[in-house]
Amino acid sequence: MLRRFIQNESGATAIEYGLIAALLFLAIVTGVSNYANGLKTLFGDNAGRIQDALR
């Protein structure tokens, strides 16, 4: 019974898949956040330029 427990790696595999999923999640969140900040800057600059042009 102890030998089967030591040789069983299914728990370790599940943990590895969990870590990979967590890293992918962090990468996606970081990418979307950077993209959103870029869009915010882009549209913020355009709004300011339009307001300056209308004055």
Protein backbone atom coordinates (compact mmCIF):
# COMPACT_ATOMS: atom_id res chain seq x y z
CA MET A 1 0.00 0.00 0.00
CA LEU A 2 2.81 2.43 0.84
CA ARG A 3 4.62 1.50 -2.36
CA ARG A 4 1.51 2.31 -4.46
CA PHE A 5 1.15 5.63 -2.65
CA ILE A 6 4.76 6.61 -3.37
CA GLN A 7 4.51 5.58 -7.03
CA ASN A 8 1.18 7.36 -7.58
CA GLU A 9 1.89 10.66 -9.34
CA SER A 10 -1.65 11.68 -10.27
CA GLY A 11 -1.80 14.26 -7.47
CA ALA A 12 1.48 15.82 -8.58
CA THR A 13 0.20 15.97 -12.15
CA ALA A 14 -2.97 17.74 -11.03
CA ILE A 15 -0.93 20.28 -9.10
CA GLU A 16 1.29 20.89 -12.14
CA TYR A 17 -1.75 21.45 -14.35
CA GLY A 18 -3.14 23.83 -11.74
CA LEU A 19 0.09 25.84 -11.71
CA ILE A 20 0.14 25.99 -15.51
CA ALA A 21 -3.47 27.18 -15.54
CA ALA A 22 -2.67 29.84 -12.93
CA LEU A 23 0.29 31.12 -14.97
CA LEU A 24 -1.81 31.27 -18.12
CA PHE A 25 -4.51 33.15 -16.23
CA LEU A 26 -1.98 35.70 -14.95
CA ALA A 27 -0.54 36.16 -18.44
CA ILE A 28 -3.99 36.74 -19.92
CA VAL A 29 -5.00 39.18 -17.18
CA THR A 30 -1.74 41.12 -17.60
CA GLY A 31 -2.15 41.28 -21.37
CA VAL A 32 -5.77 42.44 -21.21
CA SER A 33 -4.87 45.02 -18.56
CA ASN A 34 -2.07 46.45 -20.69
CA TYR A 35 -4.34 46.52 -23.73
CA ALA A 36 -7.07 48.31 -21.78
CA ASN A 37 -4.61 50.89 -20.47
CA GLY A 38 -3.39 51.52 -24.00
CA LEU A 39 -6.93 52.06 -25.26
CA LYS A 40 -7.68 54.37 -22.35
CA THR A 41 -4.63 56.47 -23.18
CA LEU A 42 -5.47 56.50 -26.88
CA PHE A 43 -9.06 57.63 -26.43
CA GLY A 44 -8.14 60.03 -23.63
CA ASP A 45 -5.63 61.77 -25.90
CA ASN A 46 -8.17 61.96 -28.72
CA ALA A 47 -10.85 63.40 -26.46
CA GLY A 48 -8.46 66.08 -25.26
CA ARG A 49 -7.44 66.97 -28.81
CA ILE A 50 -11.08 67.22 -29.92
CA GLN A 51 -11.90 69.49 -27.00
CA ASP A 52 -8.91 71.70 -27.80
CA ALA A 53 -9.94 71.88 -31.46
CA LEU A 54 -13.49 72.96 -30.55
CA ARG A 55 -12.34 75.86 -28.39
